[in-house]
């Protein structure tokens, strides 16, 4: 069975088994979409109106803006995989409830286990805080975060502002564009093994934000970004 077929089967399993209460109000589930062999997985918050109608993530205005950002680093949507922490649209696009995130978490982790990306990019605070509840997006956006989780191959995470938040905010839009430009170099450094810090075998170890703390780290940061 190919990875594409495995991913389809995975989604069909969760269509039937997901216990999220949002199933009662959403038009349909919105599973992840894209390249099942992608090096990068982008994770957003939850489907909006357009996504709920089409059954695909990031197809509205924010999705078009995301496509522009991908083009700016010579990538296309076909090169990446994109999903959300919650697979059903919350009513009136409200924030997902903790119970709704909990109900969809195993689905997301199954996606990540199958795709095995090198880098996970968080689009907005909700997806970031699902993995790193103590981090603040305003402080860590555009900074590479290193942490090992059980059953998730990726050790490197890049928090970014959500495209929907940046769409009509000139300053935030510029910040997102600048942060996006770091992605190719980050991937290159991951491939070369030049980003790793000390081993962290326990999942309870706090995440490391790879910032300069010495002249040596300043050189690493400059090479990365």
Protein backbone atom coordinates (compact mmCIF):
# COMPACT_ATOMS: atom_id res chain seq x y z
CA UNK A 1 0.00 0.00 0.00
CA UNK A 2 1.40 3.40 -0.97
CA UNK A 3 1.65 6.29 1.48
CA UNK A 4 -1.20 8.00 -0.37
CA UNK A 5 -3.40 4.94 0.08
CA UNK A 6 -2.39 4.62 3.73
CA UNK A 7 -3.28 8.28 4.32
CA UNK A 8 -6.67 7.83 2.67
CA UNK A 9 -7.36 4.80 4.85
CA UNK A 10 -6.25 6.73 7.94
CA UNK A 11 -8.70 9.54 7.20
CA UNK A 12 -11.52 7.12 6.51
CA UNK A 13 -10.87 5.45 9.86
CA UNK A 14 -11.09 8.76 11.68
CA UNK A 15 -14.15 9.88 9.71
CA UNK A 16 -15.91 7.00 11.43
CA UNK A 17 -14.18 7.01 14.80
CA UNK A 18 -13.54 10.66 15.71
CA UNK A 19 -15.69 11.62 18.69
CA UNK A 20 -15.43 15.40 18.28
CA UNK A 21 -18.71 17.11 19.17
CA UNK A 22 -18.25 19.47 16.21
CA UNK A 23 -19.32 16.61 13.93
CA UNK A 24 -22.89 17.51 14.91
CA UNK A 25 -22.72 21.03 13.44
CA UNK A 26 -20.07 20.85 10.71
CA UNK A 27 -20.94 20.09 7.10
CA UNK A 28 -18.19 17.51 6.82
CA UNK A 29 -14.74 16.63 8.19
CA UNK A 30 -11.75 18.50 6.81
CA UNK A 31 -8.73 16.17 6.85
CA UNK A 32 -5.20 17.17 5.99
CA UNK A 33 -4.30 17.66 2.36
CA UNK A 34 -1.15 17.64 0.27
CA UNK A 35 1.98 15.63 -0.35
CA UNK A 36 2.07 12.49 1.85
CA UNK A 37 5.87 12.45 1.46
CA UNK A 38 6.34 16.12 2.36
CA UNK A 39 9.34 17.35 4.34
CA UNK A 40 7.17 20.07 5.87
CA UNK A 41 3.79 19.82 7.57
CA UNK A 42 1.90 23.04 8.24
CA UNK A 43 -0.61 22.88 11.09
CA UNK A 44 -3.39 25.42 11.50
CA UNK A 45 -6.23 25.82 13.95
CA UNK A 46 -9.54 24.61 12.49
CA UNK A 47 -11.54 24.77 9.24
CA UNK A 48 -13.44 27.93 8.34
CA UNK A 49 -16.55 28.37 6.23
CA UNK A 50 -14.94 27.67 2.85
CA UNK A 51 -13.03 24.70 4.19
CA UNK A 52 -16.20 23.29 5.74
CA UNK A 53 -17.96 23.48 2.37
CA UNK A 54 -15.11 22.09 0.26
CA UNK A 55 -13.67 19.55 2.69
CA UNK A 56 -10.09 20.81 2.21
CA UNK A 57 -7.97 22.96 4.55
CA UNK A 58 -6.87 26.49 3.70
CA UNK A 59 -8.95 27.15 0.58
CA UNK A 60 -10.19 30.63 1.51
CA UNK A 61 -8.43 33.99 1.62
CA UNK A 62 -5.91 32.75 4.17
CA UNK A 63 -5.16 29.80 1.91
CA UNK A 64 -4.46 32.10 -1.02
CA UNK A 65 -2.16 34.17 1.14
CA UNK A 66 -0.39 31.01 2.25
CA UNK A 67 0.09 30.04 -1.41
CA UNK A 68 1.71 33.44 -2.01
CA UNK A 69 4.07 32.84 0.89
CA UNK A 70 4.99 29.42 -0.47
CA UNK A 71 5.69 30.91 -3.89
CA UNK A 72 8.01 33.44 -2.27
CA UNK A 73 10.28 30.55 -1.23
CA UNK A 74 9.87 28.68 -4.53
CA UNK A 75 7.48 26.10 -3.14
CA UNK A 76 3.97 25.06 -4.08
CA UNK A 77 1.13 23.59 -2.10
CA UNK A 78 1.86 20.28 -3.81
CA UNK A 79 5.24 20.23 -2.04
CA UNK A 80 3.83 20.40 1.47
CA UNK A 81 1.17 18.81 3.65
CA UNK A 82 -1.28 21.01 5.51
CA UNK A 83 -3.75 20.14 8.24
CA UNK A 84 -5.43 21.51 11.37
CA UNK A 85 -5.47 20.49 15.02
CA UNK A 86 -9.28 20.30 14.80
CA UNK A 87 -10.87 18.65 11.77
CA UNK A 88 -14.35 20.16 11.99
CA UNK A 89 -15.47 23.78 11.74
CA UNK A 90 -16.42 25.40 15.07
CA UNK A 91 -19.70 27.33 14.84
CA UNK A 92 -19.21 30.93 13.69
CA UNK A 93 -15.46 30.28 13.48
CA UNK A 94 -15.06 30.49 17.25
CA UNK A 95 -11.90 29.18 18.90
CA UNK A 96 -11.86 25.40 19.35
CA UNK A 97 -12.65 24.15 22.85
CA UNK A 98 -10.07 22.03 24.71
CA UNK A 99 -12.35 18.99 24.47
CA UNK A 100 -12.57 19.44 20.69
CA UNK A 101 -8.79 19.60 20.41
CA UNK A 102 -8.49 16.50 22.58
CA UNK A 103 -10.95 14.59 20.40
CA UNK A 104 -8.96 15.33 17.22
CA UNK A 105 -5.43 15.00 18.63
CA UNK A 106 -4.90 11.31 17.87
CA UNK A 107 -5.98 11.94 14.27
CA UNK A 108 -3.35 14.66 13.92
CA UNK A 109 -0.66 12.53 15.53
CA UNK A 110 -1.51 9.65 13.19
CA UNK A 111 -1.03 12.00 10.23
CA UNK A 112 2.37 13.08 11.54
CA UNK A 113 3.45 9.50 12.26
CA UNK A 114 2.61 8.47 8.69
CA UNK A 115 4.08 11.47 6.87
CA UNK A 116 7.21 11.74 9.06
CA UNK A 117 8.12 15.36 8.20
CA UNK A 118 11.47 16.93 8.97
CA UNK A 119 9.89 20.22 10.02
CA UNK A 120 6.51 21.12 11.50
CA UNK A 121 5.34 24.70 10.98
CA UNK A 122 2.66 26.03 13.32
CA UNK A 123 0.28 28.54 11.78
CA UNK A 124 -0.90 30.53 14.76
CA UNK A 125 -0.95 30.15 18.52
CA UNK A 126 -3.59 27.43 18.74
CA UNK A 127 -1.59 24.80 16.90
CA UNK A 128 1.64 25.87 18.64
CA UNK A 129 0.07 25.70 22.10
CA UNK A 130 -1.29 22.23 21.40
CA UNK A 131 2.35 21.09 21.45
CA UNK A 132 3.94 23.84 23.54
CA UNK A 133 1.29 25.25 25.91
CA UNK A 134 3.69 27.62 27.68
CA UNK A 135 5.05 29.42 24.61
CA UNK A 136 3.76 32.77 23.36
CA UNK A 137 3.55 33.27 19.60
CA UNK A 138 4.51 36.94 19.91
CA UNK A 139 7.83 35.93 21.47
CA UNK A 140 8.79 32.83 19.48
CA UNK A 141 7.44 33.41 15.96
CA UNK A 142 10.14 32.78 13.40
CA UNK A 143 12.35 30.97 15.94
CA UNK A 144 13.21 27.31 15.58
CA UNK A 145 12.07 25.17 18.52
CA UNK A 146 13.71 21.80 19.25
CA UNK A 147 12.01 19.05 21.25
CA UNK A 148 11.44 15.31 20.94
CA UNK A 149 7.95 13.88 21.30
CA UNK A 150 7.02 10.18 21.46
CA UNK A 151 5.88 8.75 18.10
CA UNK A 152 6.59 11.97 16.19
CA UNK A 153 9.65 11.90 13.98
CA UNK A 154 9.98 15.66 13.64
CA UNK A 155 12.09 17.32 16.33
CA UNK A 156 12.04 20.82 14.85
CA UNK A 157 9.13 23.20 15.00
CA UNK A 158 8.70 26.70 13.58
CA UNK A 159 5.92 28.87 15.00
CA UNK A 160 4.50 31.49 12.62
CA UNK A 161 1.61 33.92 12.77
CA UNK A 162 -1.57 32.58 11.21
CA UNK A 163 -2.10 33.84 7.64
CA UNK A 164 -5.65 34.92 8.52
CA UNK A 165 -4.33 37.17 11.30
CA UNK A 166 -1.66 38.65 9.03
CA UNK A 167 -3.87 39.07 5.98
CA UNK A 168 -5.14 42.54 6.82
CA UNK A 169 -2.41 43.63 9.23
CA UNK A 170 0.45 45.22 7.31
CA UNK A 171 3.05 44.88 10.05
CA UNK A 172 2.15 41.29 10.86
CA UNK A 173 2.00 40.44 7.16
CA UNK A 174 5.57 41.70 6.70
CA UNK A 175 6.69 39.75 9.77
CA UNK A 176 5.11 36.55 8.45
CA UNK A 177 6.76 37.04 5.06
CA UNK A 178 10.16 37.53 6.72
CA UNK A 179 9.70 34.47 8.93
CA UNK A 180 8.62 32.39 5.95
CA UNK A 181 11.88 33.15 4.16
CA UNK A 182 13.76 31.25 6.87
CA UNK A 183 12.19 27.93 5.93
CA UNK A 184 14.54 26.86 3.08
CA UNK A 185 17.66 27.46 5.17
CA UNK A 186 16.13 25.69 8.15
CA UNK A 187 15.38 22.63 6.00
CA UNK A 188 18.91 22.70 4.63
CA UNK A 189 20.42 22.80 8.11
CA UNK A 190 18.18 19.99 9.33
CA UNK A 191 19.25 17.86 6.37
CA UNK A 192 22.90 18.60 7.14
CA UNK A 193 22.44 17.86 10.83
CA UNK A 194 23.64 21.29 11.86
CA UNK A 195 20.72 22.32 14.04
CA UNK A 196 20.73 19.62 16.68
CA UNK A 197 21.48 20.46 20.27
CA UNK A 198 22.04 17.92 23.07
CA UNK A 199 19.87 14.80 23.18
CA UNK A 200 16.58 15.12 25.06
CA UNK A 201 15.16 11.62 25.57
CA UNK A 202 12.28 12.54 27.89
CA UNK A 203 9.14 14.13 26.53
CA UNK A 204 8.84 16.27 29.68
CA UNK A 205 12.05 18.15 28.99
CA UNK A 206 11.25 21.80 28.15
CA UNK A 207 11.65 22.79 24.51
CA UNK A 208 14.81 24.51 23.36
CA UNK A 209 14.39 27.68 21.35
CA UNK A 210 17.48 27.81 19.20
CA UNK A 211 18.59 31.37 19.93
CA UNK A 212 22.06 32.75 20.39
CA UNK A 213 23.46 32.35 23.91
CA UNK A 214 27.13 32.59 23.00
CA UNK A 215 29.38 33.51 20.11
CA UNK A 216 29.21 29.92 18.91
CA UNK A 217 25.42 29.96 18.92
CA UNK A 218 25.41 33.35 17.26
CA UNK A 219 27.27 31.77 14.37
CA UNK A 220 24.76 28.92 14.21
CA UNK A 221 21.85 31.35 14.27
CA UNK A 222 23.39 33.43 11.49
CA UNK A 223 23.91 30.30 9.40
CA UNK A 224 20.36 29.18 10.03
CA UNK A 225 18.55 32.44 9.43
